[in-house]
Amino acid sequence: MTILGWILIIALFAVGLAGAVVPILPGALAIYLAFFVYGWFFSFQSFGAWFWITQTLIVVVLFIADYVVGAWGVKKFGGSRASVIGSTIGLIIGPFVIPAFGLIIGPFLGAFIGELIVGSSAGKATKVSVGALIGLFSSTVVKIVLQLAMVILFFIWIGLH
């Protein structure tokens, strides 16, 4: 059972870290679930209140940052609310419509179309779309760093207890 427990934990960590790049994967929630798998297979005694508070705060920050950083990129380049919404829709739908490149093309086109809908010029819409990509890449970096911190804290925490 020990091997099965570790296989599940590592698989959840892998899915979680992949979720930083692939929006249809559960990301931080998979990593968070791995902590419960560890508790069920081994023991919850290693985890104290500070572990759960810290990890929960990181998850909350991840969810907030995911939206805020992406929207920041669009807004920083002069985008409207419509381009923020379009970029978000493109991020969700893009990978399904264009499997290989939809993750990048989706937010770009979504922001572009959103900006055109509110009457912006094609030049401004392009500029805002670039901002959407910068926000996407920035958000991805933030997610990777915070999710790696979750995993590293887990191993430090179980090593200390």
N, C-alpha and C. Protein backbone atom coordinates (compact mmCIF):
# COMPACT_ATOMS: atom_id res chain seq x y z
N MET A 1 0.81 -1.20 0.00
CA MET A 1 0.00 0.00 0.00
C MET A 1 0.86 1.27 0.00
N THR A 2 2.06 1.15 0.57
CA THR A 2 2.95 2.31 0.60
C THR A 2 3.29 2.76 -0.81
N ILE A 3 3.59 1.82 -1.68
CA ILE A 3 3.96 2.16 -3.06
C ILE A 3 2.77 2.80 -3.77
N LEU A 4 1.58 2.23 -3.60
CA LEU A 4 0.39 2.80 -4.23
C LEU A 4 0.14 4.23 -3.75
N GLY A 5 0.30 4.45 -2.45
CA GLY A 5 0.13 5.79 -1.90
C GLY A 5 1.07 6.79 -2.55
N TRP A 6 2.34 6.43 -2.64
CA TRP A 6 3.32 7.35 -3.25
C TRP A 6 3.09 7.54 -4.75
N ILE A 7 2.63 6.49 -5.43
CA ILE A 7 2.31 6.63 -6.86
C ILE A 7 1.18 7.64 -7.04
N LEU A 8 0.15 7.53 -6.21
CA LEU A 8 -0.97 8.47 -6.30
C LEU A 8 -0.53 9.89 -5.97
N ILE A 9 0.28 10.04 -4.94
CA ILE A 9 0.75 11.37 -4.54
C ILE A 9 1.58 12.00 -5.65
N ILE A 10 2.53 11.26 -6.18
CA ILE A 10 3.39 11.78 -7.26
C ILE A 10 2.56 12.08 -8.51
N ALA A 11 1.60 11.20 -8.81
CA ALA A 11 0.74 11.44 -9.99
C ALA A 11 -0.08 12.72 -9.79
N LEU A 12 -0.61 12.93 -8.60
CA LEU A 12 -1.36 14.17 -8.33
C LEU A 12 -0.47 15.39 -8.40
N PHE A 13 0.76 15.28 -7.92
CA PHE A 13 1.70 16.40 -8.04
C PHE A 13 1.98 16.69 -9.51
N ALA A 14 2.18 15.64 -10.32
CA ALA A 14 2.47 15.83 -11.75
C ALA A 14 1.28 16.48 -12.45
N VAL A 15 0.07 15.99 -12.17
CA VAL A 15 -1.13 16.58 -12.78
C VAL A 15 -1.27 18.03 -12.33
N GLY A 16 -1.01 18.28 -11.06
CA GLY A 16 -1.12 19.64 -10.54
C GLY A 16 -0.14 20.59 -11.20
N LEU A 17 1.10 20.16 -11.34
CA LEU A 17 2.10 21.03 -11.98
C LEU A 17 1.80 21.22 -13.46
N ALA A 18 1.31 20.16 -14.11
CA ALA A 18 0.91 20.30 -15.52
C ALA A 18 -0.26 21.26 -15.65
N GLY A 19 -1.10 21.30 -14.61
CA GLY A 19 -2.25 22.20 -14.60
C GLY A 19 -1.86 23.68 -14.60
N ALA A 20 -0.62 23.97 -14.26
CA ALA A 20 -0.15 25.36 -14.33
C ALA A 20 -0.07 25.82 -15.78
N VAL A 21 0.07 24.87 -16.69
CA VAL A 21 0.21 25.20 -18.11
C VAL A 21 -1.06 24.84 -18.89
N VAL A 22 -1.71 23.76 -18.52
CA VAL A 22 -2.89 23.28 -19.23
C VAL A 22 -4.12 23.60 -18.38
N PRO A 23 -4.92 24.58 -18.81
CA PRO A 23 -6.01 25.06 -17.96
C PRO A 23 -7.12 24.05 -17.67
N ILE A 24 -7.23 22.98 -18.43
CA ILE A 24 -8.30 22.02 -18.15
C ILE A 24 -7.93 21.05 -17.03
N LEU A 25 -6.67 21.04 -16.60
CA LEU A 25 -6.25 20.18 -15.49
C LEU A 25 -6.45 20.93 -14.18
N PRO A 26 -6.69 20.18 -13.10
CA PRO A 26 -7.06 20.83 -11.84
C PRO A 26 -5.97 21.63 -11.12
N GLY A 27 -4.72 21.54 -11.51
CA GLY A 27 -3.66 22.38 -10.95
C GLY A 27 -3.50 22.25 -9.46
N ALA A 28 -3.62 23.36 -8.77
CA ALA A 28 -3.38 23.42 -7.33
C ALA A 28 -4.30 22.47 -6.55
N LEU A 29 -5.49 22.25 -7.05
CA LEU A 29 -6.41 21.35 -6.34
C LEU A 29 -5.89 19.91 -6.36
N ALA A 30 -5.24 19.51 -7.43
CA ALA A 30 -4.65 18.16 -7.48
C ALA A 30 -3.52 18.05 -6.46
N ILE A 31 -2.72 19.09 -6.36
CA ILE A 31 -1.63 19.09 -5.37
C ILE A 31 -2.22 19.04 -3.96
N TYR A 32 -3.24 19.83 -3.72
CA TYR A 32 -3.91 19.86 -2.42
C TYR A 32 -4.49 18.49 -2.08
N LEU A 33 -5.10 17.84 -3.08
CA LEU A 33 -5.65 16.49 -2.88
C LEU A 33 -4.55 15.50 -2.51
N ALA A 34 -3.35 15.69 -3.05
CA ALA A 34 -2.23 14.79 -2.73
C ALA A 34 -1.93 14.79 -1.23
N PHE A 35 -2.14 15.92 -0.57
CA PHE A 35 -1.92 15.98 0.88
C PHE A 35 -2.90 15.07 1.62
N PHE A 36 -4.14 15.04 1.14
CA PHE A 36 -5.13 14.16 1.75
C PHE A 36 -4.79 12.69 1.47
N VAL A 37 -4.33 12.40 0.26
CA VAL A 37 -3.92 11.03 -0.06
C VAL A 37 -2.80 10.60 0.88
N TYR A 38 -1.84 11.49 1.10
CA TYR A 38 -0.76 11.18 2.04
C TYR A 38 -1.34 10.88 3.43
N GLY A 39 -2.25 11.71 3.87
CA GLY A 39 -2.86 11.50 5.19
C GLY A 39 -3.62 10.19 5.27
N TRP A 40 -4.37 9.85 4.23
CA TRP A 40 -5.15 8.62 4.24
C TRP A 40 -4.25 7.39 4.19
N PHE A 41 -3.17 7.45 3.40
CA PHE A 41 -2.29 6.29 3.27
C PHE A 41 -1.27 6.19 4.40
N PHE A 42 -0.85 7.32 4.93
CA PHE A 42 0.24 7.31 5.91
C PHE A 42 -0.23 7.86 7.26
N SER A 43 -0.42 9.15 7.34
CA SER A 43 -0.88 9.76 8.58
C SER A 43 -1.10 11.24 8.39
N PHE A 44 -2.12 11.73 9.05
CA PHE A 44 -2.37 13.16 9.07
C PHE A 44 -1.59 13.84 10.19
N GLN A 45 -0.96 13.04 11.05
CA GLN A 45 -0.24 13.60 12.20
C GLN A 45 0.92 14.50 11.79
N SER A 46 1.49 14.27 10.63
CA SER A 46 2.59 15.11 10.15
C SER A 46 2.13 16.54 9.89
N PHE A 47 0.85 16.68 9.60
CA PHE A 47 0.32 17.99 9.25
C PHE A 47 -0.30 18.65 10.47
N GLY A 48 0.10 19.85 10.71
CA GLY A 48 -0.51 20.63 11.78
C GLY A 48 -1.33 21.75 11.18
N ALA A 49 -1.81 22.59 12.06
CA ALA A 49 -2.64 23.72 11.61
C ALA A 49 -1.86 24.64 10.67
N TRP A 50 -0.58 24.88 10.96
CA TRP A 50 0.20 25.79 10.13
C TRP A 50 0.40 25.25 8.72
N PHE A 51 0.54 23.93 8.60
CA PHE A 51 0.66 23.33 7.27
C PHE A 51 -0.60 23.62 6.46
N TRP A 52 -1.77 23.34 7.04
CA TRP A 52 -3.02 23.52 6.32
C TRP A 52 -3.31 24.99 6.05
N ILE A 53 -3.00 25.85 7.00
CA ILE A 53 -3.20 27.29 6.79
C ILE A 53 -2.32 27.79 5.64
N THR A 54 -1.05 27.40 5.67
CA THR A 54 -0.11 27.82 4.63
C THR A 54 -0.53 27.33 3.26
N GLN A 55 -0.83 26.04 3.17
CA GLN A 55 -1.19 25.46 1.86
C GLN A 55 -2.52 26.03 1.35
N THR A 56 -3.46 26.24 2.24
CA THR A 56 -4.75 26.80 1.83
C THR A 56 -4.58 28.24 1.34
N LEU A 57 -3.75 29.00 2.03
CA LEU A 57 -3.48 30.38 1.58
C LEU A 57 -2.84 30.39 0.20
N ILE A 58 -1.91 29.47 -0.03
CA ILE A 58 -1.27 29.40 -1.36
C ILE A 58 -2.32 29.09 -2.42
N VAL A 59 -3.23 28.16 -2.14
CA VAL A 59 -4.27 27.82 -3.12
C VAL A 59 -5.17 29.03 -3.39
N VAL A 60 -5.56 29.73 -2.34
CA VAL A 60 -6.40 30.92 -2.51
C VAL A 60 -5.65 31.97 -3.34
N VAL A 61 -4.39 32.21 -3.01
CA VAL A 61 -3.58 33.17 -3.77
C VAL A 61 -3.47 32.74 -5.23
N LEU A 62 -3.31 31.43 -5.47
CA LEU A 62 -3.24 30.92 -6.84
C LEU A 62 -4.51 31.24 -7.63
N PHE A 63 -5.66 31.00 -7.02
CA PHE A 63 -6.92 31.26 -7.73
C PHE A 63 -7.09 32.75 -8.01
N ILE A 64 -6.77 33.56 -7.04
CA ILE A 64 -6.90 35.01 -7.23
C ILE A 64 -5.88 35.50 -8.26
N ALA A 65 -4.64 35.07 -8.11
CA ALA A 65 -3.57 35.52 -9.02
C ALA A 65 -3.83 35.07 -10.45
N ASP A 66 -4.40 33.89 -10.61
CA ASP A 66 -4.66 33.38 -11.96
C ASP A 66 -5.52 34.36 -12.74
N TYR A 67 -6.56 34.86 -12.12
CA TYR A 67 -7.42 35.81 -12.81
C TYR A 67 -6.80 37.20 -12.85
N VAL A 68 -6.29 37.66 -11.72
CA VAL A 68 -5.79 39.03 -11.60
C VAL A 68 -4.60 39.27 -12.52
N VAL A 69 -3.65 38.34 -12.56
CA VAL A 69 -2.45 38.55 -13.39
C VAL A 69 -2.82 38.53 -14.87
N GLY A 70 -3.71 37.62 -15.26
CA GLY A 70 -4.15 37.59 -16.65
C GLY A 70 -4.87 38.87 -17.04
N ALA A 71 -5.78 39.31 -16.17
CA ALA A 71 -6.52 40.55 -16.44
C ALA A 71 -5.58 41.76 -16.42
N TRP A 72 -4.57 41.72 -15.55
CA TRP A 72 -3.59 42.81 -15.48
C TRP A 72 -2.90 43.01 -16.83
N GLY A 73 -2.52 41.89 -17.49
CA GLY A 73 -1.87 42.00 -18.79
C GLY A 73 -2.74 42.71 -19.81
N VAL A 74 -4.01 42.36 -19.82
CA VAL A 74 -4.95 42.99 -20.76
C VAL A 74 -5.13 44.46 -20.40
N LYS A 75 -5.37 44.74 -19.12
CA LYS A 75 -5.61 46.12 -18.68
C LYS A 75 -4.36 46.99 -18.87
N LYS A 76 -3.19 46.44 -18.62
CA LYS A 76 -1.93 47.18 -18.74
C LYS A 76 -1.73 47.68 -20.17
N PHE A 77 -2.26 46.94 -21.12
CA PHE A 77 -2.12 47.32 -22.52
C PHE A 77 -3.37 48.03 -23.04
N GLY A 78 -4.20 48.54 -22.12
CA GLY A 78 -5.34 49.37 -22.50
C GLY A 78 -6.61 48.62 -22.83
N GLY A 79 -6.72 47.38 -22.44
CA GLY A 79 -7.89 46.58 -22.77
C GLY A 79 -9.12 46.92 -21.95
N SER A 80 -10.25 46.60 -22.51
CA SER A 80 -11.54 46.84 -21.85
C SER A 80 -11.97 45.57 -21.12
N ARG A 81 -13.08 45.68 -20.42
CA ARG A 81 -13.65 44.51 -19.73
C ARG A 81 -13.99 43.42 -20.75
N ALA A 82 -14.46 43.83 -21.91
CA ALA A 82 -14.81 42.86 -22.96
C ALA A 82 -13.59 42.06 -23.41
N SER A 83 -12.43 42.70 -23.47
CA SER A 83 -11.24 41.95 -23.89
C SER A 83 -10.74 41.03 -22.78
N VAL A 84 -10.95 41.42 -21.51
CA VAL A 84 -10.61 40.52 -20.40
C VAL A 84 -11.50 39.28 -20.47
N ILE A 85 -12.79 39.49 -20.66
CA ILE A 85 -13.73 38.37 -20.76
C ILE A 85 -13.42 37.52 -21.98
N GLY A 86 -13.15 38.16 -23.12
CA GLY A 86 -12.80 37.43 -24.34
C GLY A 86 -11.55 36.61 -24.18
N SER A 87 -10.56 37.18 -23.52
CA SER A 87 -9.31 36.46 -23.28
C SER A 87 -9.55 35.24 -22.40
N THR A 88 -10.38 35.39 -21.38
CA THR A 88 -10.68 34.27 -20.48
C THR A 88 -11.44 33.17 -21.22
N ILE A 89 -12.41 33.56 -22.02
CA ILE A 89 -13.16 32.58 -22.82
C ILE A 89 -12.22 31.88 -23.79
N GLY A 90 -11.34 32.64 -24.43
CA GLY A 90 -10.38 32.05 -25.36
C GLY A 90 -9.43 31.08 -24.68
N LEU A 91 -9.06 31.39 -23.45
CA LEU A 91 -8.18 30.51 -22.69
C LEU A 91 -8.85 29.17 -22.41
N ILE A 92 -10.15 29.22 -22.14
CA ILE A 92 -10.89 27.99 -21.83
C ILE A 92 -11.21 27.20 -23.09
N ILE A 93 -11.66 27.87 -24.13
CA ILE A 93 -12.11 27.19 -25.35
C ILE A 93 -10.96 26.87 -26.31
N GLY A 94 -9.96 27.74 -26.37
CA GLY A 94 -8.87 27.61 -27.33
C GLY A 94 -8.23 26.24 -27.43
N PRO A 95 -7.85 25.62 -26.31
CA PRO A 95 -7.20 24.31 -26.40
C PRO A 95 -8.08 23.22 -27.01
N PHE A 96 -9.41 23.39 -26.92
CA PHE A 96 -10.30 22.39 -27.51
C PHE A 96 -10.49 22.61 -29.00
N VAL A 97 -10.52 23.87 -29.41
CA VAL A 97 -10.76 24.21 -30.81
C VAL A 97 -9.49 24.02 -31.64
N ILE A 98 -8.37 24.43 -31.10
CA ILE A 98 -7.08 24.32 -31.79
C ILE A 98 -6.12 23.59 -30.83
N PRO A 99 -6.16 22.26 -30.81
CA PRO A 99 -5.43 21.50 -29.79
C PRO A 99 -3.95 21.87 -29.60
N ALA A 100 -3.21 22.04 -30.63
CA ALA A 100 -1.77 22.27 -30.45
C ALA A 100 -1.44 23.69 -30.00
N PHE A 101 -2.14 24.67 -30.51
CA PHE A 101 -1.80 26.07 -30.25
C PHE A 101 -2.92 26.89 -29.62
N GLY A 102 -4.01 26.24 -29.29
CA GLY A 102 -5.18 26.94 -28.76
C GLY A 102 -4.94 27.64 -27.44
N LEU A 103 -4.00 27.14 -26.67
CA LEU A 103 -3.69 27.76 -25.38
C LEU A 103 -3.14 29.16 -25.56
N ILE A 104 -2.46 29.40 -26.67
CA ILE A 104 -1.89 30.72 -26.95
C ILE A 104 -2.82 31.53 -27.87
N ILE A 105 -3.32 30.88 -28.90
CA ILE A 105 -4.18 31.57 -29.87
C ILE A 105 -5.52 31.96 -29.25
N GLY A 106 -6.08 31.10 -28.40
CA GLY A 106 -7.39 31.36 -27.78
C GLY A 106 -7.46 32.69 -27.04
N PRO A 107 -6.58 32.91 -26.05
CA PRO A 107 -6.64 34.19 -25.33
C PRO A 107 -6.35 35.39 -26.23
N PHE A 108 -5.42 35.19 -27.19
CA PHE A 108 -5.08 36.28 -28.11
C PHE A 108 -6.32 36.67 -28.92
N LEU A 109 -6.97 35.68 -29.55
CA LEU A 109 -8.15 35.96 -30.35
C LEU A 109 -9.32 36.45 -29.50
N GLY A 110 -9.47 35.87 -28.31
CA GLY A 110 -10.55 36.30 -27.42
C GLY A 110 -10.42 37.76 -27.05
N ALA A 111 -9.23 38.19 -26.68
CA ALA A 111 -9.00 39.59 -26.34
C ALA A 111 -9.20 40.47 -27.57
N PHE A 112 -8.71 40.01 -28.72
CA PHE A 112 -8.83 40.76 -29.97
C PHE A 112 -10.29 40.99 -30.32
N ILE A 113 -11.07 39.92 -30.30
CA ILE A 113 -12.50 40.02 -30.64
C ILE A 113 -13.23 40.88 -29.60
N GLY A 114 -12.92 40.66 -28.33
CA GLY A 114 -13.55 41.46 -27.28
C GLY A 114 -13.31 42.94 -27.46
N GLU A 115 -12.09 43.27 -27.85
CA GLU A 115 -11.75 44.69 -28.04
C GLU A 115 -12.43 45.26 -29.29
N LEU A 116 -12.53 44.44 -30.33
CA LEU A 116 -13.23 44.90 -31.54
C LEU A 116 -14.72 45.13 -31.26
N ILE A 117 -15.30 44.29 -30.40
CA ILE A 117 -16.73 44.41 -30.08
C ILE A 117 -17.04 45.76 -29.44
N VAL A 118 -16.11 46.27 -28.64
CA VAL A 118 -16.36 47.57 -27.99
C VAL A 118 -15.96 48.74 -28.88
N GLY A 119 -15.56 48.44 -30.13
CA GLY A 119 -15.31 49.50 -31.09
C GLY A 119 -13.88 49.98 -31.22
N SER A 120 -12.93 49.25 -30.66
CA SER A 120 -11.53 49.64 -30.78
C SER A 120 -11.01 49.34 -32.18
N SER A 121 -9.93 50.01 -32.54
CA SER A 121 -9.31 49.75 -33.84
C SER A 121 -8.59 48.41 -33.80
N ALA A 122 -8.28 47.90 -34.99
CA ALA A 122 -7.55 46.63 -35.09
C ALA A 122 -6.17 46.77 -34.45
N GLY A 123 -5.56 47.94 -34.56
CA GLY A 123 -4.25 48.17 -33.95
C GLY A 123 -4.30 48.08 -32.44
N LYS A 124 -5.31 48.73 -31.85
CA LYS A 124 -5.45 48.68 -30.40
C LYS A 124 -5.80 47.26 -29.96
N ALA A 125 -6.66 46.59 -30.70
CA ALA A 125 -7.05 45.22 -30.37
C ALA A 125 -5.83 44.30 -30.39
N THR A 126 -4.94 44.51 -31.35
CA THR A 126 -3.72 43.70 -31.42
C THR A 126 -2.83 43.97 -30.21
N LYS A 127 -2.69 45.24 -29.86
CA LYS A 127 -1.88 45.61 -28.70
C LYS A 127 -2.43 44.96 -27.43
N VAL A 128 -3.75 45.03 -27.25
CA VAL A 128 -4.39 44.42 -26.08
C VAL A 128 -4.21 42.91 -26.09
N SER A 129 -4.28 42.30 -27.26
CA SER A 129 -4.09 40.86 -27.38
C SER A 129 -2.69 40.43 -26.97
N VAL A 130 -1.71 41.25 -27.31
CA VAL A 130 -0.33 40.98 -26.85
C VAL A 130 -0.28 41.06 -25.33
N GLY A 131 -0.99 42.03 -24.77
CA GLY A 131 -1.09 42.14 -23.32
C GLY A 131 -1.72 40.90 -22.70
N ALA A 132 -2.71 40.33 -23.39
CA ALA A 132 -3.34 39.09 -22.91
C ALA A 132 -2.32 37.96 -22.85
N LEU A 133 -1.46 37.89 -23.86
CA LEU A 133 -0.42 36.84 -23.87
C LEU A 133 0.60 37.07 -22.76
N ILE A 134 0.98 38.31 -22.56
CA ILE A 134 1.93 38.63 -21.49
C ILE A 134 1.31 38.27 -20.13
N GLY A 135 0.03 38.58 -19.96
CA GLY A 135 -0.67 38.21 -18.73
C GLY A 135 -0.74 36.70 -18.56
N LEU A 136 -1.01 35.99 -19.65
CA LEU A 136 -1.07 34.52 -19.61
C LEU A 136 0.28 33.93 -19.19
N PHE A 137 1.35 34.40 -19.83
CA PHE A 137 2.67 33.88 -19.50
C PHE A 137 3.08 34.25 -18.08
N SER A 138 2.76 35.45 -17.65
CA SER A 138 3.07 35.88 -16.28
C SER A 138 2.29 35.03 -15.28
N SER A 139 1.03 34.81 -15.56
CA SER A 139 0.18 34.00 -14.69
C SER A 139 0.72 32.57 -14.60
N THR A 140 1.18 32.04 -15.71
CA THR A 140 1.73 30.69 -15.73
C THR A 140 2.97 30.60 -14.86
N VAL A 141 3.83 31.60 -14.94
CA VAL A 141 5.04 31.61 -14.11
C VAL A 141 4.66 31.67 -12.63
N VAL A 142 3.71 32.52 -12.29
CA VAL A 142 3.26 32.63 -10.89
C VAL A 142 2.71 31.28 -10.42
N LYS A 143 1.89 30.64 -11.25
CA LYS A 143 1.31 29.34 -10.88
C LYS A 143 2.40 28.29 -10.68
N ILE A 144 3.35 28.23 -11.59
CA ILE A 144 4.42 27.24 -11.46
C ILE A 144 5.20 27.45 -10.17
N VAL A 145 5.57 28.69 -9.89
CA VAL A 145 6.34 28.99 -8.67
C VAL A 145 5.55 28.62 -7.42
N LEU A 146 4.29 29.03 -7.35
CA LEU A 146 3.50 28.75 -6.15
C LEU A 146 3.18 27.26 -6.00
N GLN A 147 2.93 26.57 -7.10
CA GLN A 147 2.65 25.14 -7.01
C GLN A 147 3.91 24.36 -6.64
N LEU A 148 5.05 24.76 -7.16
CA LEU A 148 6.30 24.13 -6.72
C LEU A 148 6.53 24.39 -5.23
N ALA A 149 6.19 25.59 -4.77
CA ALA A 149 6.33 25.90 -3.34
C ALA A 149 5.44 24.97 -2.51
N MET A 150 4.24 24.69 -2.99
CA MET A 150 3.36 23.77 -2.28
C MET A 150 3.99 22.39 -2.13
N VAL A 151 4.54 21.89 -3.23
CA VAL A 151 5.15 20.56 -3.22
C VAL A 151 6.39 20.54 -2.32
N ILE A 152 7.23 21.55 -2.46
CA ILE A 152 8.45 21.62 -1.65
C ILE A 152 8.11 21.73 -0.17
N LEU A 153 7.13 22.57 0.17
CA LEU A 153 6.70 22.68 1.57
C LEU A 153 6.18 21.35 2.10
N PHE A 154 5.48 20.61 1.27
CA PHE A 154 4.98 19.30 1.67
C PHE A 154 6.15 18.39 2.07
N PHE A 155 7.15 18.30 1.19
CA PHE A 155 8.28 17.42 1.48
C PHE A 155 9.09 17.90 2.68
N ILE A 156 9.23 19.21 2.82
CA ILE A 156 9.92 19.75 4.00
C ILE A 156 9.12 19.39 5.26
N TRP A 157 7.80 19.59 5.18
CA TRP A 157 6.95 19.37 6.34
C TRP A 157 6.97 17.90 6.78
N ILE A 158 6.83 16.98 5.82
CA ILE A 158 6.82 15.56 6.22
C ILE A 158 8.21 15.11 6.65
N GLY A 159 9.24 15.77 6.14
CA GLY A 159 10.61 15.45 6.56
C GLY A 159 10.90 15.91 7.98
N LEU A 160 10.24 16.97 8.40
CA LEU A 160 10.45 17.51 9.74
C LEU A 160 9.66 16.75 10.80
N HIS A 161 8.61 16.07 10.38
CA HIS A 161 7.74 15.41 11.36
C HIS A 161 7.82 13.93 11.27
